[in-house]
């Protein structure tokens, strides 16, 4: 009986330690004011790009200038992006901020599963020329090829 209690105590302590250490995958510290300004700029550029697709590289540069929110693949041991399958294609959703993700994920089973990662890490997680959709629930959606986003990373 004492061995069971000891094992339970060790397991509980390990679980609490793991849960108390949030994953920090972002490249920079969060600055709410700067993040809000960047997000507002992204939303304005999305409207511009919908009217004038030639401005898409500007949007890619702004998006890749800070953290993005992604859904990690729960079946992977290391960080891997989750692909979503549609009948005609697969894509990786990326979100400009947590609020947008939370709004779009509501009722999908993915609530609370997005993580913030830096643009450099996000770009390195793209292994081919995947389709990446920005704020996938917004219509019309803005689609990028992975190569467009990789080229837009500001070192």
N, C-alpha and C. Protein backbone atom coordinates (compact mmCIF):
# COMPACT_ATOMS: atom_id res chain seq x y z
N UNK A 1 0.81 -1.20 0.00
CA UNK A 1 0.00 0.00 0.00
C UNK A 1 0.86 1.27 0.00
N UNK A 2 1.94 1.36 0.80
CA UNK A 2 2.76 2.56 0.78
C UNK A 2 3.38 2.80 -0.60
N UNK A 3 3.75 1.74 -1.34
CA UNK A 3 4.33 1.89 -2.67
C UNK A 3 3.31 2.51 -3.63
N UNK A 4 2.05 2.12 -3.53
CA UNK A 4 1.00 2.70 -4.39
C UNK A 4 0.84 4.19 -4.09
N UNK A 5 0.86 4.55 -2.83
CA UNK A 5 0.73 5.96 -2.46
C UNK A 5 1.91 6.76 -2.98
N UNK A 6 3.10 6.19 -2.87
CA UNK A 6 4.29 6.87 -3.35
C UNK A 6 4.22 7.07 -4.87
N UNK A 7 3.81 6.04 -5.60
CA UNK A 7 3.67 6.15 -7.06
C UNK A 7 2.61 7.17 -7.44
N UNK A 8 1.50 7.17 -6.72
CA UNK A 8 0.44 8.14 -7.00
C UNK A 8 0.93 9.56 -6.74
N UNK A 9 1.69 9.73 -5.66
CA UNK A 9 2.23 11.05 -5.32
C UNK A 9 3.22 11.52 -6.40
N UNK A 10 4.10 10.63 -6.84
CA UNK A 10 5.07 10.98 -7.88
C UNK A 10 4.35 11.33 -9.18
N UNK A 11 3.36 10.53 -9.56
CA UNK A 11 2.60 10.78 -10.78
C UNK A 11 1.90 12.14 -10.70
N UNK A 12 1.25 12.41 -9.57
CA UNK A 12 0.53 13.67 -9.40
C UNK A 12 1.49 14.85 -9.45
N UNK A 13 2.65 14.73 -8.80
CA UNK A 13 3.63 15.82 -8.81
C UNK A 13 4.13 16.07 -10.23
N UNK A 14 4.40 15.01 -10.97
CA UNK A 14 4.85 15.16 -12.35
C UNK A 14 3.80 15.81 -13.22
N UNK A 15 2.56 15.41 -13.04
CA UNK A 15 1.47 15.97 -13.82
C UNK A 15 1.30 17.46 -13.52
N UNK A 16 1.35 17.82 -12.24
CA UNK A 16 1.22 19.23 -11.87
C UNK A 16 2.38 20.05 -12.42
N UNK A 17 3.58 19.51 -12.37
CA UNK A 17 4.74 20.23 -12.90
C UNK A 17 4.60 20.44 -14.40
N UNK A 18 4.15 19.42 -15.10
CA UNK A 18 3.99 19.54 -16.55
C UNK A 18 2.91 20.55 -16.91
N UNK A 19 1.83 20.55 -16.17
CA UNK A 19 0.71 21.45 -16.47
C UNK A 19 1.03 22.90 -16.11
N UNK A 20 1.93 23.10 -15.16
CA UNK A 20 2.23 24.46 -14.73
C UNK A 20 3.24 25.15 -15.62
N UNK A 21 3.85 24.43 -16.57
CA UNK A 21 4.84 25.00 -17.47
C UNK A 21 4.24 25.14 -18.86
N UNK A 22 3.68 26.30 -19.21
CA UNK A 22 3.09 26.45 -20.53
C UNK A 22 4.16 26.39 -21.61
N UNK A 23 3.78 25.84 -22.74
CA UNK A 23 4.71 25.78 -23.87
C UNK A 23 4.92 27.18 -24.42
N UNK A 24 6.16 27.59 -24.55
CA UNK A 24 6.48 28.89 -25.12
C UNK A 24 7.18 28.66 -26.44
N UNK A 25 6.43 28.74 -27.48
CA UNK A 25 6.98 28.49 -28.80
C UNK A 25 7.12 29.77 -29.60
N UNK A 26 6.67 30.87 -29.01
CA UNK A 26 6.72 32.14 -29.72
C UNK A 26 8.14 32.68 -29.74
N UNK A 27 8.47 33.40 -30.79
CA UNK A 27 9.80 33.97 -30.95
C UNK A 27 10.04 35.22 -30.12
N UNK A 28 9.00 35.89 -29.74
CA UNK A 28 9.18 37.14 -29.03
C UNK A 28 8.17 37.23 -27.90
N UNK A 29 8.44 38.13 -26.97
CA UNK A 29 7.50 38.31 -25.88
C UNK A 29 6.27 39.04 -26.41
N UNK A 30 5.17 38.80 -25.76
CA UNK A 30 3.93 39.42 -26.22
C UNK A 30 3.84 40.85 -25.74
N UNK A 31 3.44 41.74 -26.62
CA UNK A 31 3.20 43.13 -26.31
C UNK A 31 1.78 43.40 -26.79
N UNK A 32 0.81 43.43 -25.87
CA UNK A 32 -0.59 43.54 -26.29
C UNK A 32 -0.88 44.71 -27.22
N UNK A 33 -0.26 45.84 -26.99
CA UNK A 33 -0.52 47.00 -27.84
C UNK A 33 0.03 46.78 -29.25
N UNK A 34 1.26 46.32 -29.34
CA UNK A 34 1.85 46.06 -30.66
C UNK A 34 1.13 44.93 -31.37
N UNK A 35 0.74 43.89 -30.61
CA UNK A 35 0.01 42.78 -31.22
C UNK A 35 -1.33 43.24 -31.76
N UNK A 36 -2.01 44.11 -31.03
CA UNK A 36 -3.31 44.63 -31.48
C UNK A 36 -3.14 45.47 -32.74
N UNK A 37 -2.10 46.30 -32.78
CA UNK A 37 -1.85 47.12 -33.98
C UNK A 37 -1.53 46.23 -35.18
N UNK A 38 -0.71 45.20 -34.96
CA UNK A 38 -0.37 44.28 -36.05
C UNK A 38 -1.62 43.56 -36.55
N UNK A 39 -2.45 43.09 -35.62
CA UNK A 39 -3.68 42.40 -36.00
C UNK A 39 -4.61 43.32 -36.79
N UNK A 40 -4.77 44.57 -36.33
CA UNK A 40 -5.60 45.53 -37.07
C UNK A 40 -5.05 45.76 -38.47
N UNK A 41 -3.73 45.84 -38.59
CA UNK A 41 -3.11 45.99 -39.90
C UNK A 41 -3.37 44.79 -40.79
N UNK A 42 -3.31 43.60 -40.21
CA UNK A 42 -3.59 42.38 -40.98
C UNK A 42 -5.03 42.41 -41.49
N UNK A 43 -5.97 42.77 -40.62
CA UNK A 43 -7.37 42.81 -41.04
C UNK A 43 -7.60 43.82 -42.16
N UNK A 44 -6.94 44.99 -42.05
CA UNK A 44 -7.08 46.01 -43.11
C UNK A 44 -6.49 45.49 -44.42
N UNK A 45 -5.33 44.84 -44.34
CA UNK A 45 -4.70 44.31 -45.56
C UNK A 45 -5.51 43.17 -46.16
N UNK A 46 -6.17 42.37 -45.33
CA UNK A 46 -7.04 41.31 -45.88
C UNK A 46 -8.10 41.95 -46.77
N UNK A 47 -8.72 43.04 -46.30
CA UNK A 47 -9.73 43.73 -47.11
C UNK A 47 -9.12 44.26 -48.41
N UNK A 48 -7.91 44.80 -48.33
CA UNK A 48 -7.24 45.32 -49.53
C UNK A 48 -6.94 44.18 -50.51
N UNK A 49 -6.42 43.06 -49.99
CA UNK A 49 -6.05 41.93 -50.85
C UNK A 49 -7.27 41.32 -51.52
N UNK A 50 -8.41 41.32 -50.86
CA UNK A 50 -9.63 40.80 -51.48
C UNK A 50 -9.99 41.62 -52.72
N UNK A 51 -9.71 42.91 -52.68
CA UNK A 51 -10.01 43.78 -53.83
C UNK A 51 -8.87 43.81 -54.84
N UNK A 52 -7.63 43.67 -54.33
CA UNK A 52 -6.45 43.76 -55.20
C UNK A 52 -5.45 42.67 -54.80
N UNK A 53 -5.56 41.48 -55.39
CA UNK A 53 -4.67 40.36 -55.03
C UNK A 53 -3.18 40.63 -55.22
N UNK A 54 -2.83 41.65 -55.99
CA UNK A 54 -1.41 41.96 -56.17
C UNK A 54 -0.76 42.44 -54.87
N UNK A 55 -1.57 42.79 -53.88
CA UNK A 55 -1.06 43.27 -52.58
C UNK A 55 -0.81 42.11 -51.60
N UNK A 56 -1.02 40.89 -52.04
CA UNK A 56 -0.86 39.73 -51.15
C UNK A 56 0.54 39.62 -50.53
N UNK A 57 1.62 39.95 -51.24
CA UNK A 57 2.94 39.90 -50.59
C UNK A 57 3.06 40.83 -49.38
N UNK A 58 2.38 41.98 -49.41
CA UNK A 58 2.38 42.88 -48.25
C UNK A 58 1.73 42.21 -47.04
N UNK A 59 0.62 41.53 -47.29
CA UNK A 59 -0.08 40.81 -46.23
C UNK A 59 0.79 39.68 -45.69
N UNK A 60 1.45 38.96 -46.58
CA UNK A 60 2.33 37.87 -46.15
C UNK A 60 3.45 38.41 -45.26
N UNK A 61 4.05 39.54 -45.63
CA UNK A 61 5.13 40.11 -44.81
C UNK A 61 4.63 40.53 -43.43
N UNK A 62 3.45 41.15 -43.38
CA UNK A 62 2.92 41.57 -42.08
C UNK A 62 2.56 40.35 -41.24
N UNK A 63 1.93 39.37 -41.82
CA UNK A 63 1.58 38.16 -41.09
C UNK A 63 2.83 37.49 -40.53
N UNK A 64 3.88 37.43 -41.32
CA UNK A 64 5.10 36.73 -40.93
C UNK A 64 6.07 37.62 -40.15
N UNK A 65 5.59 38.76 -39.67
CA UNK A 65 6.44 39.65 -38.87
C UNK A 65 6.29 39.41 -37.38
N UNK A 66 5.47 38.47 -36.99
CA UNK A 66 5.25 38.20 -35.57
C UNK A 66 4.72 36.81 -35.37
N UNK A 67 4.13 36.59 -34.22
CA UNK A 67 3.57 35.28 -33.90
C UNK A 67 2.32 35.00 -34.71
N UNK A 68 2.12 33.73 -35.01
CA UNK A 68 0.87 33.27 -35.62
C UNK A 68 0.32 32.17 -34.72
N UNK A 69 -0.94 31.89 -34.88
CA UNK A 69 -1.58 30.83 -34.09
C UNK A 69 -1.91 29.67 -35.01
N UNK A 70 -1.51 28.48 -34.57
CA UNK A 70 -1.70 27.26 -35.34
C UNK A 70 -2.27 26.18 -34.44
N UNK A 71 -2.81 25.15 -35.07
CA UNK A 71 -3.29 23.98 -34.33
C UNK A 71 -2.25 22.89 -34.52
N UNK A 72 -1.61 22.46 -33.42
CA UNK A 72 -0.61 21.40 -33.57
C UNK A 72 -1.29 20.04 -33.77
N UNK A 73 -0.61 19.17 -34.48
CA UNK A 73 -1.12 17.82 -34.72
C UNK A 73 -1.01 17.04 -33.41
N UNK A 74 -2.14 16.60 -32.84
CA UNK A 74 -2.08 15.90 -31.55
C UNK A 74 -1.46 14.51 -31.65
N UNK A 75 -1.27 13.99 -32.84
CA UNK A 75 -0.71 12.65 -33.02
C UNK A 75 0.80 12.68 -33.23
N UNK A 76 1.40 13.85 -33.20
CA UNK A 76 2.83 13.98 -33.44
C UNK A 76 3.58 14.15 -32.12
N UNK A 77 4.74 13.53 -32.02
CA UNK A 77 5.57 13.65 -30.82
C UNK A 77 6.23 15.02 -30.72
N UNK A 78 6.55 15.62 -31.85
CA UNK A 78 7.13 16.96 -31.87
C UNK A 78 6.14 17.90 -32.56
N UNK A 79 6.48 19.17 -32.59
CA UNK A 79 5.57 20.14 -33.19
C UNK A 79 5.39 19.84 -34.68
N UNK A 80 4.17 19.56 -35.06
CA UNK A 80 3.79 19.38 -36.46
C UNK A 80 2.45 20.06 -36.63
N UNK A 81 2.26 20.68 -37.76
CA UNK A 81 1.02 21.40 -38.02
C UNK A 81 -0.09 20.44 -38.42
N UNK A 82 -1.29 20.75 -38.00
CA UNK A 82 -2.44 19.91 -38.31
C UNK A 82 -3.02 20.33 -39.66
N UNK A 83 -3.15 19.36 -40.54
CA UNK A 83 -3.77 19.58 -41.85
C UNK A 83 -5.27 19.33 -41.71
N UNK A 84 -6.05 20.12 -42.43
CA UNK A 84 -7.48 19.91 -42.50
C UNK A 84 -7.80 19.49 -43.92
N UNK A 85 -8.56 18.42 -44.05
CA UNK A 85 -8.89 17.88 -45.36
C UNK A 85 -10.25 18.36 -45.81
N UNK A 86 -10.30 18.82 -47.05
CA UNK A 86 -11.55 19.11 -47.73
C UNK A 86 -11.59 18.18 -48.93
N UNK A 87 -12.74 17.98 -49.52
CA UNK A 87 -12.81 17.04 -50.64
C UNK A 87 -11.80 17.34 -51.76
N UNK A 88 -11.54 18.60 -52.02
CA UNK A 88 -10.68 18.93 -53.15
C UNK A 88 -9.23 19.22 -52.77
N UNK A 89 -8.93 19.34 -51.45
CA UNK A 89 -7.57 19.68 -51.05
C UNK A 89 -7.39 19.56 -49.54
N UNK A 90 -6.13 19.64 -49.13
CA UNK A 90 -5.76 19.74 -47.72
C UNK A 90 -5.18 21.13 -47.51
N UNK A 91 -5.34 21.66 -46.31
CA UNK A 91 -4.74 22.96 -46.03
C UNK A 91 -4.36 23.04 -44.56
N UNK A 92 -3.50 23.99 -44.28
CA UNK A 92 -3.10 24.29 -42.91
C UNK A 92 -3.72 25.64 -42.56
N UNK A 93 -4.53 25.68 -41.52
CA UNK A 93 -5.07 26.98 -41.11
C UNK A 93 -4.05 27.71 -40.23
N UNK A 94 -3.97 29.00 -40.41
CA UNK A 94 -3.14 29.85 -39.57
C UNK A 94 -4.01 31.05 -39.17
N UNK A 95 -3.82 31.49 -37.95
CA UNK A 95 -4.68 32.56 -37.43
C UNK A 95 -3.83 33.74 -36.99
N UNK A 96 -4.36 34.93 -37.23
CA UNK A 96 -3.62 36.15 -36.94
C UNK A 96 -3.59 36.49 -35.45
N UNK A 97 -4.54 35.98 -34.68
CA UNK A 97 -4.54 36.24 -33.24
C UNK A 97 -5.43 35.21 -32.54
N UNK A 98 -5.29 35.13 -31.23
CA UNK A 98 -6.04 34.14 -30.46
C UNK A 98 -7.54 34.40 -30.52
N UNK A 99 -7.96 35.65 -30.47
CA UNK A 99 -9.39 35.96 -30.48
C UNK A 99 -10.05 35.44 -31.76
N UNK A 100 -9.39 35.66 -32.89
CA UNK A 100 -9.93 35.17 -34.16
C UNK A 100 -10.01 33.65 -34.14
N UNK A 101 -8.96 32.99 -33.64
CA UNK A 101 -8.99 31.54 -33.56
C UNK A 101 -10.16 31.09 -32.68
N UNK A 102 -10.30 31.69 -31.49
CA UNK A 102 -11.36 31.28 -30.57
C UNK A 102 -12.74 31.44 -31.20
N UNK A 103 -12.94 32.53 -31.94
CA UNK A 103 -14.23 32.74 -32.61
C UNK A 103 -14.48 31.67 -33.67
N UNK A 104 -13.45 31.36 -34.45
CA UNK A 104 -13.63 30.41 -35.54
C UNK A 104 -13.68 28.97 -35.06
N UNK A 105 -13.05 28.68 -33.91
CA UNK A 105 -13.00 27.31 -33.40
C UNK A 105 -14.22 26.97 -32.55
N UNK A 106 -15.02 27.95 -32.19
CA UNK A 106 -16.16 27.71 -31.32
C UNK A 106 -17.05 26.60 -31.88
N UNK A 107 -17.27 25.58 -31.07
CA UNK A 107 -18.16 24.49 -31.46
C UNK A 107 -17.53 23.44 -32.36
N UNK A 108 -16.22 23.53 -32.63
CA UNK A 108 -15.58 22.58 -33.54
C UNK A 108 -14.84 21.45 -32.82
N UNK A 109 -14.64 21.59 -31.52
CA UNK A 109 -13.82 20.63 -30.79
C UNK A 109 -12.36 21.04 -30.72
N UNK A 110 -12.01 22.13 -31.40
CA UNK A 110 -10.63 22.62 -31.36
C UNK A 110 -10.45 23.81 -30.43
N UNK A 111 -11.48 24.16 -29.68
CA UNK A 111 -11.39 25.29 -28.77
C UNK A 111 -10.18 25.12 -27.85
N UNK A 112 -9.42 26.18 -27.69
CA UNK A 112 -8.29 26.19 -26.77
C UNK A 112 -7.08 25.40 -27.24
N UNK A 113 -7.07 24.91 -28.45
CA UNK A 113 -5.97 24.06 -28.90
C UNK A 113 -4.91 24.82 -29.71
N UNK A 114 -5.15 26.07 -30.04
CA UNK A 114 -4.17 26.82 -30.83
C UNK A 114 -3.00 27.22 -29.94
N UNK A 115 -1.83 27.26 -30.55
CA UNK A 115 -0.64 27.74 -29.86
C UNK A 115 -0.03 28.85 -30.69
N UNK A 116 0.62 29.78 -30.00
CA UNK A 116 1.34 30.86 -30.69
C UNK A 116 2.74 30.37 -30.99
N UNK A 117 3.15 30.55 -32.24
CA UNK A 117 4.54 30.26 -32.60
C UNK A 117 5.06 31.42 -33.44
N UNK A 118 6.34 31.60 -33.38
CA UNK A 118 6.96 32.66 -34.16
C UNK A 118 6.93 32.33 -35.64
N UNK A 119 7.00 33.36 -36.45
CA UNK A 119 6.93 33.18 -37.90
C UNK A 119 8.06 32.30 -38.42
N UNK A 120 9.25 32.44 -37.87
CA UNK A 120 10.38 31.63 -38.33
C UNK A 120 10.12 30.15 -38.06
N UNK A 121 9.63 29.85 -36.87
CA UNK A 121 9.33 28.45 -36.54
C UNK A 121 8.18 27.93 -37.39
N UNK A 122 7.18 28.77 -37.61
CA UNK A 122 6.06 28.37 -38.47
C UNK A 122 6.57 28.03 -39.87
N UNK A 123 7.39 28.92 -40.43
CA UNK A 123 7.92 28.70 -41.78
C UNK A 123 8.74 27.41 -41.84
N UNK A 124 9.50 27.13 -40.80
CA UNK A 124 10.31 25.91 -40.81
C UNK A 124 9.46 24.66 -40.63
N UNK A 125 8.23 24.81 -40.19
CA UNK A 125 7.31 23.68 -40.05
C UNK A 125 6.59 23.35 -41.35
N UNK A 126 6.75 24.22 -42.33
CA UNK A 126 6.16 23.99 -43.65
C UNK A 126 7.20 23.25 -44.49
N UNK A 127 6.91 22.03 -44.88
CA UNK A 127 7.92 21.19 -45.51
C UNK A 127 7.83 21.13 -47.04
N UNK A 128 6.73 21.56 -47.58
CA UNK A 128 6.57 21.54 -49.04
C UNK A 128 6.03 22.87 -49.48
N UNK A 129 5.08 22.84 -50.38
CA UNK A 129 4.42 24.06 -50.82
C UNK A 129 2.93 23.93 -50.49
N UNK A 130 2.67 23.65 -49.22
CA UNK A 130 1.32 23.43 -48.75
C UNK A 130 0.45 24.67 -48.96
N UNK A 131 -0.84 24.45 -48.95
CA UNK A 131 -1.79 25.56 -48.94
C UNK A 131 -1.99 25.96 -47.49
N UNK A 132 -1.86 27.24 -47.24
CA UNK A 132 -2.07 27.81 -45.90
C UNK A 132 -3.19 28.83 -46.04
N UNK A 133 -4.20 28.71 -45.18
CA UNK A 133 -5.33 29.64 -45.24
C UNK A 133 -5.33 30.50 -43.98
N UNK A 134 -5.32 31.80 -44.18
CA UNK A 134 -5.34 32.76 -43.08
C UNK A 134 -6.77 32.93 -42.58
N UNK A 135 -6.95 32.77 -41.27
CA UNK A 135 -8.26 32.95 -40.64
C UNK A 135 -9.34 32.25 -41.47
N UNK A 136 -9.23 30.94 -41.54
CA UNK A 136 -9.98 30.11 -42.49
C UNK A 136 -11.49 30.31 -42.49
N UNK A 137 -12.06 30.76 -41.39
CA UNK A 137 -13.51 30.94 -41.35
C UNK A 137 -13.98 32.22 -42.01
N UNK A 138 -13.08 33.14 -42.29
CA UNK A 138 -13.46 34.39 -42.94
C UNK A 138 -13.59 34.17 -44.43
N UNK A 139 -14.60 34.76 -45.02
CA UNK A 139 -14.84 34.58 -46.45
C UNK A 139 -14.83 35.91 -47.17
N UNK A 140 -14.29 35.98 -48.37
CA UNK A 140 -13.54 34.90 -49.00
C UNK A 140 -12.20 34.73 -48.31
N UNK A 141 -11.78 33.50 -48.20
CA UNK A 141 -10.54 33.16 -47.50
C UNK A 141 -9.34 33.65 -48.30
N UNK A 142 -8.29 33.99 -47.58
CA UNK A 142 -7.03 34.37 -48.21
C UNK A 142 -6.11 33.15 -48.12
N UNK A 143 -5.73 32.65 -49.28
CA UNK A 143 -4.87 31.47 -49.36
C UNK A 143 -3.46 31.87 -49.76
N UNK A 144 -2.52 31.20 -49.15
CA UNK A 144 -1.11 31.37 -49.50
C UNK A 144 -0.54 30.00 -49.84
N UNK A 145 0.50 29.99 -50.63
CA UNK A 145 1.33 28.80 -50.77
C UNK A 145 2.41 28.95 -49.70
N UNK A 146 2.87 27.82 -49.19
CA UNK A 146 3.91 27.86 -48.17
C UNK A 146 5.11 28.67 -48.65
N UNK A 147 5.44 28.55 -49.91
CA UNK A 147 6.61 29.28 -50.45
C UNK A 147 6.44 30.79 -50.32
N UNK A 148 5.22 31.30 -50.45
CA UNK A 148 4.97 32.74 -50.30
C UNK A 148 5.25 33.20 -48.87
N UNK A 149 4.82 32.38 -47.90
CA UNK A 149 5.02 32.75 -46.50
C UNK A 149 6.47 32.59 -46.08
N UNK A 150 7.13 31.55 -46.57
CA UNK A 150 8.55 31.35 -46.25
C UNK A 150 9.37 32.53 -46.77
N UNK A 151 9.05 33.00 -47.95
CA UNK A 151 9.78 34.13 -48.54
C UNK A 151 9.53 35.43 -47.80
N UNK A 152 8.43 35.50 -47.06
CA UNK A 152 8.05 36.75 -46.38
C UNK A 152 8.59 36.85 -44.96
N UNK A 153 9.26 35.82 -44.47
CA UNK A 153 9.78 35.84 -43.10
C UNK A 153 10.82 36.94 -42.99
N UNK A 154 10.64 37.78 -41.98
CA UNK A 154 11.60 38.85 -41.72
C UNK A 154 12.53 38.37 -40.63
N UNK A 155 13.83 38.16 -40.97
CA UNK A 155 14.76 37.62 -39.96
C UNK A 155 15.04 38.56 -38.83
